[in-house]
Protein backbone atom coordinates (compact mmCIF):
# COMPACT_ATOMS: atom_id res chain seq x y z
CA MET A 1 14.71 11.18 -3.38
CA ALA A 2 16.92 8.24 -3.48
CA SER A 3 14.24 5.91 -1.39
CA ASP A 4 11.51 7.37 -3.82
CA ARG A 5 13.63 6.20 -6.48
CA TRP A 6 13.50 2.96 -5.19
CA PRO A 7 10.94 2.45 -2.62
CA GLU A 8 10.10 -0.09 -0.19
CA LEU A 9 7.40 -2.35 -2.11
CA PRO A 10 6.97 -5.28 1.21
CA LEU A 11 5.14 -7.58 -0.08
CA ALA A 12 2.71 -8.28 3.41
CA ALA A 13 1.95 -4.66 2.93
CA TRP A 14 0.59 -4.74 -0.63
CA ARG A 15 -0.24 -8.75 -1.46
CA ASP A 16 -3.76 -8.36 -1.82
CA THR A 17 -3.79 -4.95 -3.57
CA ARG A 18 -1.19 -6.70 -6.05
CA ASP A 19 -2.90 -9.69 -6.66
CA THR A 20 -6.42 -6.81 -7.60
CA LEU A 21 -3.87 -5.06 -10.21
CA HIS A 22 -2.65 -8.11 -11.69
CA LEU A 23 -5.99 -9.03 -12.71
CA TRP A 24 -7.65 -5.97 -13.60
CA THR A 25 -4.12 -5.74 -16.14
CA GLN A 26 -5.38 -9.00 -17.31
CA VAL A 27 -8.49 -7.40 -17.98
CA VAL A 28 -7.13 -4.80 -20.14
CA GLY A 29 -4.34 -7.41 -21.97
CA LYS A 30 -7.54 -9.52 -22.68
CA VAL A 31 -8.95 -5.96 -24.53
CA ARG A 32 -5.78 -5.87 -26.59
CA LEU A 33 -5.31 -9.80 -27.16
CA ALA A 34 -8.64 -9.36 -29.60
CA LEU A 35 -7.70 -6.16 -31.09
CA THR A 36 -4.30 -6.35 -31.76
CA PRO A 37 -3.08 -8.79 -34.68
CA TRP A 38 -0.12 -11.49 -33.81
CA LEU A 39 3.33 -10.41 -32.40
CA ASN A 40 6.29 -12.70 -32.46
CA HIS A 41 6.41 -14.23 -29.57
CA SER A 42 3.53 -12.77 -27.92
CA TRP A 43 4.69 -8.82 -28.20
CA HIS A 44 1.71 -8.05 -29.65
CA VAL A 45 -0.10 -8.00 -25.68
CA ALA A 46 2.27 -6.09 -23.91
CA LEU A 47 1.99 -3.19 -21.65
CA TYR A 48 4.20 -0.37 -21.92
CA VAL A 49 5.56 1.96 -19.49
CA THR A 50 4.70 5.62 -19.37
CA ALA A 51 5.59 8.14 -17.57
CA ARG A 52 2.21 7.85 -15.82
CA GLY A 53 1.33 4.42 -15.60
CA LEU A 54 1.15 1.50 -17.94
CA THR A 55 -0.25 1.80 -21.42
CA THR A 56 -1.70 -0.99 -24.00
CA SER A 57 -0.07 1.26 -26.47
CA PRO A 58 -2.78 2.74 -29.55
CA MET A 59 -5.08 -0.40 -31.03
CA PRO A 60 -6.24 -0.48 -34.18
CA CYS A 61 -10.34 -0.58 -34.28
CA LYS A 62 -13.18 1.37 -36.11
CA GLY A 63 -10.98 2.33 -38.35
CA GLY A 64 -8.80 4.87 -36.30
CA SER A 65 -7.55 3.72 -32.70
CA LEU A 66 -8.06 2.80 -28.84
CA GLU A 67 -5.38 2.82 -26.18
CA ILE A 68 -6.29 2.00 -22.46
CA GLU A 69 -3.71 3.51 -19.62
CA PHE A 70 -3.40 2.57 -16.17
CA ASP A 71 -2.48 5.92 -14.61
CA PHE A 72 -0.79 6.09 -10.96
CA VAL A 73 -1.14 9.60 -10.52
CA GLU A 74 -4.82 9.95 -10.26
CA HIS A 75 -5.81 6.38 -10.03
CA ALA A 76 -7.59 6.08 -13.16
CA VAL A 77 -7.90 3.53 -16.30
CA TRP A 78 -8.66 5.85 -18.92
CA LEU A 79 -10.14 4.59 -22.21
CA ARG A 80 -8.91 7.10 -25.58
CA LEU A 81 -9.80 6.47 -29.30
CA SER A 82 -8.55 8.48 -31.91
CA ASN A 83 -11.73 10.17 -32.42
CA GLY A 84 -11.39 12.50 -29.27
CA ASN A 85 -13.67 10.50 -27.32
CA LEU A 86 -12.63 8.70 -23.55
CA ARG A 87 -14.06 6.93 -20.61
CA LYS A 88 -12.22 7.07 -17.33
CA VAL A 89 -12.89 4.57 -14.82
CA PRO A 90 -12.11 5.16 -11.91
CA MET A 91 -9.10 2.72 -9.20
CA ARG A 92 -10.35 1.93 -5.65
CA PRO A 93 -11.52 -0.32 -3.81
CA MET A 94 -13.63 -3.01 -5.82
CA SER A 95 -13.72 -6.52 -7.07
CA VAL A 96 -13.16 -8.47 -10.05
CA ALA A 97 -15.79 -8.54 -11.26
CA ALA A 98 -17.38 -5.14 -10.54
CA PHE A 99 -13.50 -3.94 -12.49
CA TYR A 100 -15.36 -6.36 -15.44
CA VAL A 101 -18.38 -4.79 -15.69
CA GLU A 102 -16.95 -1.02 -15.71
CA MET A 103 -14.22 -1.69 -18.40
CA GLY A 104 -17.24 -3.31 -20.58
CA ILE A 105 -19.84 -0.43 -19.80
CA ALA A 106 -17.22 1.89 -20.58
CA LEU A 107 -15.98 0.32 -24.06
CA SER A 108 -19.67 0.06 -24.75
CA GLU A 109 -19.91 3.73 -24.39
CA LEU A 110 -17.52 4.26 -26.49
CA ASP A 111 -19.42 1.93 -29.15
CA LEU A 112 -16.79 -0.76 -28.87
CA ILE A 113 -18.72 -4.73 -28.68
CA PHE A 114 -16.59 -7.19 -28.95
CA THR A 115 -15.77 -10.47 -26.40
CA ILE A 116 -12.84 -11.74 -24.68
CA ASN A 117 -11.78 -14.91 -22.86
CA PRO A 118 -12.71 -14.27 -19.39
CA MET A 119 -10.32 -17.12 -17.33
CA PRO A 120 -7.52 -15.37 -16.41
CA CYS A 121 -4.05 -16.42 -17.69
CA GLU A 122 -0.96 -18.16 -15.80
CA ILE A 123 -2.64 -18.38 -12.85
CA PRO A 124 -3.39 -21.50 -10.86
CA GLY A 125 -7.38 -21.63 -9.94
CA ALA A 126 -8.04 -18.79 -11.73
CA ILE A 127 -11.19 -17.41 -11.03
CA PRO A 128 -13.56 -15.99 -14.34
CA PHE A 129 -13.12 -12.67 -14.15
CA GLY A 130 -16.91 -11.76 -13.69
CA GLU A 131 -17.13 -13.91 -11.21
CA ASP A 132 -14.00 -13.17 -9.04
CA ASP A 133 -15.50 -10.55 -5.37
CA VAL A 134 -12.81 -12.41 -3.74
CA HIS A 135 -10.12 -9.97 -5.10
CA LYS A 136 -10.86 -6.33 -4.72
CA SER A 137 -8.21 -4.39 -3.00
CA TYR A 138 -6.62 -1.14 -3.95
CA ASP A 139 -4.30 1.18 -1.54
CA PRO A 140 -3.18 4.27 -3.99
CA GLU A 141 -0.04 4.51 -1.83
CA TYR A 142 1.42 0.93 -2.43
CA ALA A 143 0.46 1.35 -6.39
CA ARG A 144 2.34 4.32 -6.33
CA ARG A 145 5.25 2.40 -5.14
CA PHE A 146 5.03 -0.51 -7.82
CA PHE A 147 5.10 2.63 -10.41
CA ARG A 148 7.60 3.78 -9.50
CA VAL A 149 9.65 0.90 -9.19
CA LEU A 150 9.37 -0.20 -13.46
CA THR A 151 9.88 3.17 -14.14
CA SER A 152 13.08 2.60 -12.43
CA ALA A 153 13.18 -0.52 -13.28
CA HIS A 154 12.50 0.45 -16.98
CA GLU A 155 14.82 3.10 -17.22
CA VAL A 156 17.98 1.08 -15.83
CA MET A 157 16.51 -1.97 -18.16
CA SER A 158 16.18 -0.04 -21.33
CA GLN A 159 20.42 1.38 -20.70
CA PHE A 160 21.00 -2.52 -21.15
CA ARG A 161 19.22 -3.11 -23.53
CA THR A 162 21.26 -0.55 -25.80
CA GLY A 163 23.97 -2.54 -25.77
CA PHE A 164 22.77 -5.39 -28.19
CA LEU A 165 22.39 -5.71 -31.70
CA GLY A 166 20.98 -8.39 -32.57
CA LYS A 167 17.25 -9.24 -31.91
CA ALA A 168 15.64 -7.44 -28.93
CA SER A 169 13.03 -7.25 -27.42
CA PRO A 170 11.04 -3.64 -25.56
CA VAL A 171 10.97 -3.31 -22.08
CA HIS A 172 7.80 -4.87 -21.99
CA PHE A 173 5.38 -5.61 -19.33
CA PHE A 174 3.80 -8.96 -19.44
CA TRP A 175 -0.46 -9.09 -17.42
CA GLY A 176 0.23 -12.61 -17.59
CA SER A 177 2.57 -12.57 -15.59
CA PHE A 178 3.06 -9.79 -14.14
CA ASP A 179 6.88 -8.95 -14.79
CA LEU A 180 8.60 -6.37 -16.65
CA ALA A 181 10.68 -7.95 -19.28
CA VAL A 182 13.79 -7.75 -21.71
CA THR A 183 14.73 -10.44 -23.76
CA ARG A 184 17.84 -11.29 -26.06
CA PHE A 185 18.07 -13.53 -28.48
CA SER A 186 20.81 -15.33 -30.26
CA GLY A 187 19.62 -15.87 -33.86
CA ARG A 188 19.29 -19.65 -33.11
CA PRO A 189 16.12 -21.75 -33.00
CA ALA A 190 15.37 -23.38 -29.51
CA PRO A 191 13.71 -27.26 -28.68
CA ARG A 192 10.80 -26.91 -28.59
CA HIS A 193 9.27 -26.06 -25.40
CA PRO A 194 7.28 -28.81 -22.81
CA GLY A 195 4.07 -26.09 -22.26
CA GLY A 196 2.21 -26.66 -19.02
CA VAL A 197 2.03 -23.10 -18.49
CA PRO A 198 -2.18 -22.25 -15.93
CA HIS A 199 -4.51 -21.58 -18.54
CA LEU A 200 -2.54 -20.97 -21.51
CA PRO A 201 -2.12 -22.69 -24.92
CA ASP A 202 0.76 -24.75 -25.38
CA SER A 203 0.43 -23.17 -28.62
CA VAL A 204 1.42 -19.84 -27.14
CA ALA A 205 4.68 -21.60 -24.95
CA ARG A 206 5.82 -22.78 -27.89
CA GLU A 207 5.96 -19.83 -30.55
CA ALA A 208 6.76 -17.95 -27.11
CA TYR A 209 10.47 -19.59 -26.63
CA SER A 210 10.31 -20.63 -30.49
CA HIS A 211 13.86 -19.14 -30.21
CA GLU A 212 17.26 -19.29 -27.62
CA VAL A 213 17.19 -16.81 -25.40
CA SER A 214 18.59 -14.72 -22.50
CA SER A 215 15.36 -13.24 -20.93
CA ALA A 216 15.54 -10.71 -17.37
CA GLY A 217 13.30 -8.99 -15.78
CA PHE A 218 10.99 -7.71 -12.93
CA TRP A 219 8.55 -9.55 -10.83
CA PRO A 220 6.41 -7.79 -8.30
CA GLY A 221 6.36 -10.57 -5.96
CA GLY A 222 3.38 -12.72 -5.30
CA GLY A 223 1.43 -15.94 -6.91
CA GLY A 224 3.02 -18.70 -3.43
CA GLY A 225 6.43 -19.62 -5.77
CA PRO A 226 9.43 -20.45 -4.42
CA VAL A 227 10.63 -16.78 -3.84
CA GLY A 228 7.52 -14.43 -2.43
CA ASP A 229 9.15 -10.87 -2.02
CA ALA A 230 9.48 -8.43 -5.13
CA ALA A 231 12.46 -9.79 -7.42
CA PHE A 232 14.78 -9.09 -9.91
CA TYR A 233 15.27 -12.20 -12.19
CA SER A 234 17.50 -13.52 -15.02
CA TYR A 235 17.16 -17.17 -17.15
CA ALA A 236 18.11 -18.70 -20.74
CA TYR A 237 16.09 -21.12 -22.94
CA PRO A 238 16.95 -23.19 -22.97
CA ALA A 239 19.47 -23.31 -20.23
CA PRO A 240 22.80 -24.54 -21.51
CA ASP A 241 24.88 -26.45 -19.51
CA GLY A 242 26.62 -24.61 -16.04
CA PHE A 243 24.51 -22.10 -15.80
CA ALA A 244 23.15 -22.86 -12.75
CA ALA A 245 27.25 -22.66 -11.44
CA ALA A 246 27.89 -19.42 -13.13
CA ARG A 247 29.56 -16.67 -10.75
CA VAL A 248 27.33 -13.94 -11.27
CA LYS A 249 27.04 -10.49 -9.77
CA PRO A 250 25.50 -9.12 -7.56
CA GLN A 251 26.93 -10.85 -4.38
CA ALA A 252 23.60 -11.68 -3.51
CA ALA A 253 22.15 -12.73 -6.37
CA LEU A 254 20.91 -16.63 -5.84
CA TRP A 255 19.97 -19.26 -8.62
CA SER A 256 16.43 -20.99 -7.47
CA LYS A 257 17.27 -25.05 -8.44
CA GLU A 258 13.14 -24.13 -8.57
CA LEU A 259 12.51 -21.34 -10.69
CA GLY A 260 15.76 -22.80 -12.98
CA GLU A 261 16.55 -18.92 -13.23
CA PHE A 262 19.20 -16.26 -10.74
CA VAL A 263 17.64 -13.89 -8.70
CA LEU A 264 18.36 -10.94 -6.66
CA LEU A 265 16.36 -9.72 -4.24
CA TYR A 266 14.66 -6.57 -4.58
CA ALA A 267 15.43 -5.97 -1.23
CA ASP A 268 19.44 -6.74 -1.72
CA MET A 269 19.08 -4.39 -4.40
CA ARG A 270 17.70 -1.48 -3.42
CA ASN A 271 19.44 -1.49 -0.14
CA ALA A 272 23.00 -1.63 -1.94
CA LEU A 273 25.20 1.12 -1.81
CA ASP A 274 24.72 2.08 -5.64
CA PRO A 275 21.19 0.22 -6.52
CA ASP A 276 21.19 1.21 -10.35
CA ALA A 277 24.48 -0.54 -10.76
CA ALA A 278 23.92 -3.04 -9.06
CA LEU A 279 21.22 -3.78 -11.48
CA MET A 280 23.31 -3.61 -14.24
CA ASP A 281 25.22 -6.11 -12.73
CA PHE A 282 22.70 -8.06 -12.65
CA LEU A 283 21.33 -8.21 -16.24
CA GLN A 284 24.48 -7.90 -17.18
CA SER A 285 26.86 -10.96 -15.66
CA THR A 286 23.89 -13.43 -15.97
CA TYR A 287 23.32 -12.51 -19.54
CA ALA A 288 26.74 -12.75 -20.47
CA ALA A 289 27.35 -16.26 -18.38
CA ALA A 290 23.91 -17.38 -20.53
CA ALA A 291 25.62 -16.37 -23.46
CA ASP A 292 29.28 -17.84 -22.70
CA LEU A 293 28.53 -20.96 -21.93
CA ALA A 294 25.66 -21.15 -24.92
CA ASN A 295 28.29 -20.37 -27.35
CA TRP A 296 25.95 -16.67 -28.90
CA ASP A 297 28.55 -15.18 -31.56
CA ARG A 298 29.28 -11.94 -28.80
CA ALA A 299 31.03 -10.22 -30.86
CA MET A 300 28.19 -10.02 -34.01
CA LEU A 301 25.82 -9.41 -31.40
CA GLU A 302 27.11 -6.88 -29.16
CA CYS A 303 28.36 -3.26 -28.54
CA GLY A 304 28.90 -0.89 -26.32
CA LEU A 305 25.96 1.31 -24.13
CA GLY A 306 24.39 3.67 -25.67
CA GLU A 307 24.97 7.62 -24.83
CA LYS A 308 23.01 10.48 -24.41
CA GLY A 309 23.76 12.31 -28.15
CA GLU A 310 26.27 10.28 -29.10
CA VAL A 311 25.70 8.15 -32.73
CA ARG A 312 27.61 4.56 -32.29
CA LYS A 313 30.57 3.97 -33.21
CA ILE A 314 30.99 1.66 -36.19
């Protein structure tokens, strides 16, 4: 059971599936972007972990709602309307271009006709969805492992979130960067973000980082960056003086100068004596370093971690 809670997820074994799945989630994410009113920090576009995969949650359309879910148990994408109509797109080895076409057919069969931006976001050298015959892999076993890690990480990150009274994001999945994230806010405005994210308007990055944050999450690897394998991360914007030199837990956690954030490799976390405790230590200690060095009002913003069935003491 322990190995299934935190299964092995070596990038070399599922890189092609990971890259293809990233782009499939972007197709669905662009649908969410087209249908949902803007919410601060782009929270309206995120996906959410379910008991079977990742969902858009209900999106308003045609006087009702549409929900699209990646189901990693049955390996299918479900499109469900609130009037009871539904369509299914099986997840199998196929190109992004083919997936894009099949999603378009499923939406049109539900009488949903609208356009999306076909260019992927936050990916250097991206290929438009309808032209991408390069990415076409799907390994059900590694897709299931990825989902299992998301489920476990979501549980620990959700528990971490209960210890904050200030503004905090849900634990949600961003299809642009392909990561599960939770963000805390100091309540103070932040300096103007420089932008420069590939295929993402600077206005989006600046709105996302309009206020000071401490953000942490799980990234399943890939992308050609300085940290190739799956890892947990934690950063602050703006990063306070001395943040890179802060002492954080567990001992395996490292500062990445290239990324400007703390990193705990997934393999190191899962090999810890208590992986859940190691991850919680990482989340708590990196947040504390950011908050202390930036002089957040921690007494006003924090509370004890939530307990099942117990009302928070005030």
